[in-house]
Amino acid sequence: MPFLYELTLAEGEPEYTVLQHLVPAGTLGGTGQAVAVLSDGGMEYHLPAPRQGLLVAWFAESGSKVDASRAIARMVCEGERVAVAGAVPQRLG
């Protein structure tokens, strides 16, 4: 049975700016796959998907500020509903 989850940042992560969507809405993303590029103003980071799923909607457009209190995207996953942890951005380079 499919379930929805909101892609968010992990608690304690700072505010980031969304620079680019790497996975368009309507595309399947794998666990750990980078779905967006974020910046903290000095460094750039990949935002990995915590679980495989179909990315159905982006809530944060390029140039938007995001933090742990705001959903970035909505994903649909197959299987039994489980808790999905917040994403931890990975530094590029």
N, C-alpha and C. Protein backbone atom coordinates (compact mmCIF):
# COMPACT_ATOMS: atom_id res chain seq x y z
N MET A 1 0.84 -1.18 0.00
CA MET A 1 0.00 0.00 0.00
C MET A 1 0.89 1.25 0.00
N PRO A 2 0.75 2.15 -0.94
CA PRO A 2 1.58 3.35 -0.97
C PRO A 2 1.25 4.31 0.18
N PHE A 3 2.24 5.09 0.56
CA PHE A 3 2.01 6.14 1.56
C PHE A 3 2.75 7.40 1.14
N LEU A 4 2.27 8.53 1.61
CA LEU A 4 2.88 9.83 1.34
C LEU A 4 3.81 10.22 2.48
N TYR A 5 4.89 10.91 2.15
CA TYR A 5 5.66 11.57 3.19
C TYR A 5 6.15 12.91 2.67
N GLU A 6 6.36 13.82 3.60
CA GLU A 6 6.85 15.15 3.28
C GLU A 6 8.36 15.13 3.49
N LEU A 7 9.10 15.52 2.47
CA LEU A 7 10.56 15.61 2.55
C LEU A 7 10.91 16.88 3.32
N THR A 8 11.56 16.72 4.45
CA THR A 8 11.97 17.85 5.29
C THR A 8 13.43 17.70 5.65
N LEU A 9 14.01 18.76 6.17
CA LEU A 9 15.36 18.70 6.71
C LEU A 9 15.31 18.10 8.11
N ALA A 10 16.38 17.46 8.51
CA ALA A 10 16.49 16.92 9.87
C ALA A 10 16.49 18.06 10.88
N GLU A 11 15.97 17.78 12.06
CA GLU A 11 15.99 18.76 13.15
C GLU A 11 17.43 19.19 13.42
N GLY A 12 17.63 20.46 13.69
CA GLY A 12 18.95 20.97 14.00
C GLY A 12 19.73 21.46 12.79
N GLU A 13 19.22 21.19 11.58
CA GLU A 13 19.89 21.69 10.39
C GLU A 13 19.63 23.19 10.26
N PRO A 14 20.61 23.95 9.74
CA PRO A 14 20.41 25.39 9.57
C PRO A 14 19.48 25.69 8.39
N GLU A 15 19.20 26.95 8.19
CA GLU A 15 18.41 27.37 7.04
C GLU A 15 19.27 27.29 5.78
N TYR A 16 18.67 26.82 4.69
CA TYR A 16 19.35 26.72 3.41
C TYR A 16 18.51 27.43 2.36
N THR A 17 19.14 27.74 1.23
CA THR A 17 18.45 28.26 0.05
C THR A 17 18.46 27.16 -1.00
N VAL A 18 17.29 26.92 -1.60
CA VAL A 18 17.20 25.94 -2.68
C VAL A 18 17.79 26.58 -3.93
N LEU A 19 18.81 25.93 -4.50
CA LEU A 19 19.44 26.45 -5.72
C LEU A 19 18.87 25.78 -6.97
N GLN A 20 18.61 24.47 -6.88
CA GLN A 20 18.20 23.74 -8.08
C GLN A 20 17.49 22.45 -7.69
N HIS A 21 16.42 22.13 -8.41
CA HIS A 21 15.78 20.82 -8.30
C HIS A 21 16.51 19.88 -9.25
N LEU A 22 16.95 18.73 -8.77
CA LEU A 22 17.64 17.75 -9.60
C LEU A 22 16.69 16.67 -10.10
N VAL A 23 15.58 16.50 -9.41
CA VAL A 23 14.57 15.50 -9.77
C VAL A 23 13.26 16.23 -9.99
N PRO A 24 12.74 16.23 -11.21
CA PRO A 24 11.47 16.92 -11.45
C PRO A 24 10.29 16.17 -10.84
N ALA A 25 9.23 16.90 -10.53
CA ALA A 25 8.00 16.27 -10.05
C ALA A 25 7.55 15.24 -11.09
N GLY A 26 7.08 14.09 -10.59
CA GLY A 26 6.65 13.01 -11.47
C GLY A 26 7.73 11.99 -11.74
N THR A 27 8.90 12.14 -11.07
CA THR A 27 10.04 11.26 -11.30
C THR A 27 10.32 10.43 -10.04
N LEU A 28 10.72 9.17 -10.26
CA LEU A 28 11.09 8.29 -9.16
C LEU A 28 12.50 8.63 -8.70
N GLY A 29 12.66 8.77 -7.39
CA GLY A 29 13.98 9.01 -6.80
C GLY A 29 14.34 7.87 -5.88
N GLY A 30 15.59 7.45 -5.91
CA GLY A 30 16.06 6.35 -5.08
C GLY A 30 16.48 6.80 -3.70
N THR A 31 16.57 5.86 -2.77
CA THR A 31 17.04 6.17 -1.42
C THR A 31 18.45 6.73 -1.50
N GLY A 32 18.66 7.89 -0.92
CA GLY A 32 19.96 8.53 -0.91
C GLY A 32 20.27 9.34 -2.16
N GLN A 33 19.40 9.27 -3.16
CA GLN A 33 19.64 10.04 -4.39
C GLN A 33 19.48 11.53 -4.12
N ALA A 34 20.38 12.33 -4.67
CA ALA A 34 20.28 13.79 -4.53
C ALA A 34 19.09 14.29 -5.33
N VAL A 35 18.18 14.99 -4.67
CA VAL A 35 16.99 15.50 -5.35
C VAL A 35 17.04 17.01 -5.55
N ALA A 36 17.94 17.69 -4.81
CA ALA A 36 18.06 19.14 -4.94
C ALA A 36 19.46 19.58 -4.52
N VAL A 37 19.82 20.78 -4.94
CA VAL A 37 21.06 21.42 -4.49
C VAL A 37 20.66 22.58 -3.59
N LEU A 38 21.27 22.63 -2.40
CA LEU A 38 21.00 23.67 -1.42
C LEU A 38 22.29 24.44 -1.14
N SER A 39 22.13 25.64 -0.59
CA SER A 39 23.29 26.44 -0.18
C SER A 39 23.02 27.04 1.19
N ASP A 40 24.09 27.13 1.99
CA ASP A 40 23.98 27.82 3.27
C ASP A 40 24.56 29.22 3.18
N GLY A 41 24.85 29.66 1.96
CA GLY A 41 25.43 30.98 1.74
C GLY A 41 26.92 30.92 1.48
N GLY A 42 27.56 29.82 1.86
CA GLY A 42 28.99 29.68 1.64
C GLY A 42 29.35 28.40 0.92
N MET A 43 28.61 27.35 1.20
CA MET A 43 28.87 26.03 0.62
C MET A 43 27.60 25.53 -0.07
N GLU A 44 27.78 24.57 -0.98
CA GLU A 44 26.64 23.93 -1.65
C GLU A 44 26.53 22.49 -1.17
N TYR A 45 25.29 21.99 -1.13
CA TYR A 45 24.99 20.66 -0.59
C TYR A 45 23.99 19.96 -1.50
N HIS A 46 24.08 18.64 -1.55
CA HIS A 46 23.03 17.82 -2.15
C HIS A 46 22.04 17.46 -1.06
N LEU A 47 20.76 17.48 -1.39
CA LEU A 47 19.72 17.04 -0.48
C LEU A 47 19.32 15.63 -0.90
N PRO A 48 19.64 14.59 -0.09
CA PRO A 48 19.30 13.22 -0.46
C PRO A 48 17.88 12.84 -0.04
N ALA A 49 17.25 12.00 -0.84
CA ALA A 49 15.93 11.47 -0.48
C ALA A 49 16.12 10.39 0.58
N PRO A 50 15.43 10.47 1.72
CA PRO A 50 15.60 9.47 2.77
C PRO A 50 15.06 8.08 2.38
N ARG A 51 14.09 8.05 1.46
CA ARG A 51 13.51 6.78 1.00
C ARG A 51 13.21 6.88 -0.48
N GLN A 52 13.21 5.73 -1.14
CA GLN A 52 12.82 5.69 -2.55
C GLN A 52 11.36 6.05 -2.68
N GLY A 53 11.03 6.82 -3.70
CA GLY A 53 9.64 7.17 -3.92
C GLY A 53 9.47 8.07 -5.12
N LEU A 54 8.23 8.25 -5.49
CA LEU A 54 7.87 9.13 -6.59
C LEU A 54 7.73 10.54 -6.04
N LEU A 55 8.54 11.46 -6.53
CA LEU A 55 8.45 12.85 -6.10
C LEU A 55 7.26 13.46 -6.84
N VAL A 56 6.20 13.79 -6.11
CA VAL A 56 4.97 14.25 -6.76
C VAL A 56 4.79 15.76 -6.74
N ALA A 57 5.46 16.46 -5.81
CA ALA A 57 5.29 17.91 -5.76
C ALA A 57 6.45 18.56 -5.03
N TRP A 58 6.91 19.67 -5.57
CA TRP A 58 7.88 20.53 -4.90
C TRP A 58 7.12 21.63 -4.18
N PHE A 59 7.44 21.88 -2.91
CA PHE A 59 6.85 22.99 -2.16
C PHE A 59 7.81 24.17 -2.10
N ALA A 60 9.10 23.93 -2.31
CA ALA A 60 10.12 24.98 -2.24
C ALA A 60 10.71 25.18 -3.64
N GLU A 61 10.52 26.35 -4.17
CA GLU A 61 11.05 26.68 -5.50
C GLU A 61 12.50 27.15 -5.40
N SER A 62 13.19 27.23 -6.52
CA SER A 62 14.55 27.75 -6.54
C SER A 62 14.55 29.17 -5.96
N GLY A 63 15.50 29.43 -5.07
CA GLY A 63 15.59 30.73 -4.41
C GLY A 63 14.88 30.79 -3.07
N SER A 64 14.06 29.77 -2.75
CA SER A 64 13.35 29.75 -1.47
C SER A 64 14.26 29.34 -0.33
N LYS A 65 13.96 29.87 0.83
CA LYS A 65 14.64 29.48 2.07
C LYS A 65 13.88 28.31 2.68
N VAL A 66 14.63 27.30 3.17
CA VAL A 66 14.00 26.14 3.82
C VAL A 66 14.72 25.84 5.12
N ASP A 67 13.97 25.31 6.08
CA ASP A 67 14.54 24.83 7.33
C ASP A 67 13.73 23.61 7.77
N ALA A 68 14.04 23.08 8.94
CA ALA A 68 13.40 21.84 9.39
C ALA A 68 11.90 21.98 9.64
N SER A 69 11.40 23.20 9.74
CA SER A 69 9.97 23.40 10.01
C SER A 69 9.11 23.40 8.75
N ARG A 70 9.73 23.36 7.59
CA ARG A 70 8.99 23.51 6.34
C ARG A 70 9.21 22.31 5.42
N ALA A 71 8.13 21.74 4.90
CA ALA A 71 8.24 20.64 3.93
C ALA A 71 8.81 21.18 2.62
N ILE A 72 9.73 20.42 2.04
CA ILE A 72 10.39 20.82 0.79
C ILE A 72 9.70 20.19 -0.41
N ALA A 73 9.27 18.94 -0.25
CA ALA A 73 8.61 18.21 -1.34
C ALA A 73 7.73 17.12 -0.76
N ARG A 74 6.87 16.56 -1.60
CA ARG A 74 6.02 15.43 -1.21
C ARG A 74 6.43 14.23 -2.07
N MET A 75 6.55 13.08 -1.40
CA MET A 75 6.91 11.85 -2.10
C MET A 75 5.91 10.75 -1.76
N VAL A 76 5.71 9.83 -2.70
CA VAL A 76 4.86 8.66 -2.51
C VAL A 76 5.77 7.44 -2.52
N CYS A 77 5.67 6.62 -1.48
CA CYS A 77 6.49 5.42 -1.36
C CYS A 77 5.62 4.18 -1.38
N GLU A 78 6.17 3.09 -1.87
CA GLU A 78 5.49 1.80 -1.84
C GLU A 78 5.79 1.10 -0.52
N GLY A 79 4.88 0.24 -0.11
CA GLY A 79 5.11 -0.57 1.08
C GLY A 79 4.34 -0.07 2.27
N GLU A 80 4.62 -0.71 3.40
CA GLU A 80 3.96 -0.38 4.66
C GLU A 80 4.45 0.97 5.16
N ARG A 81 3.54 1.75 5.72
CA ARG A 81 3.88 3.08 6.23
C ARG A 81 4.93 2.96 7.33
N VAL A 82 5.98 3.75 7.21
CA VAL A 82 7.05 3.81 8.21
C VAL A 82 7.38 5.27 8.47
N ALA A 83 8.01 5.52 9.60
CA ALA A 83 8.48 6.88 9.89
C ALA A 83 9.65 7.18 8.96
N VAL A 84 9.67 8.38 8.41
CA VAL A 84 10.75 8.80 7.50
C VAL A 84 11.52 9.94 8.19
N ALA A 85 12.80 9.70 8.37
CA ALA A 85 13.64 10.70 9.03
C ALA A 85 13.84 11.93 8.15
N GLY A 86 14.12 13.05 8.76
CA GLY A 86 14.46 14.26 8.02
C GLY A 86 15.77 14.06 7.27
N ALA A 87 15.94 14.77 6.17
CA ALA A 87 17.13 14.63 5.34
C ALA A 87 18.27 15.48 5.90
N VAL A 88 19.48 14.97 5.76
CA VAL A 88 20.68 15.69 6.16
C VAL A 88 21.46 16.02 4.89
N PRO A 89 21.56 17.29 4.52
CA PRO A 89 22.28 17.67 3.30
C PRO A 89 23.74 17.21 3.35
N GLN A 90 24.26 16.80 2.19
CA GLN A 90 25.63 16.34 2.05
C GLN A 90 26.44 17.36 1.26
N ARG A 91 27.55 17.78 1.82
CA ARG A 91 28.38 18.82 1.18
C ARG A 91 28.94 18.33 -0.15
N LEU A 92 28.90 19.18 -1.16
CA LEU A 92 29.47 18.84 -2.45
C LEU A 92 30.98 18.98 -2.40
N GLY A 93 31.65 18.12 -3.16
CA GLY A 93 33.11 18.21 -3.27
C GLY A 93 33.75 17.54 -2.18
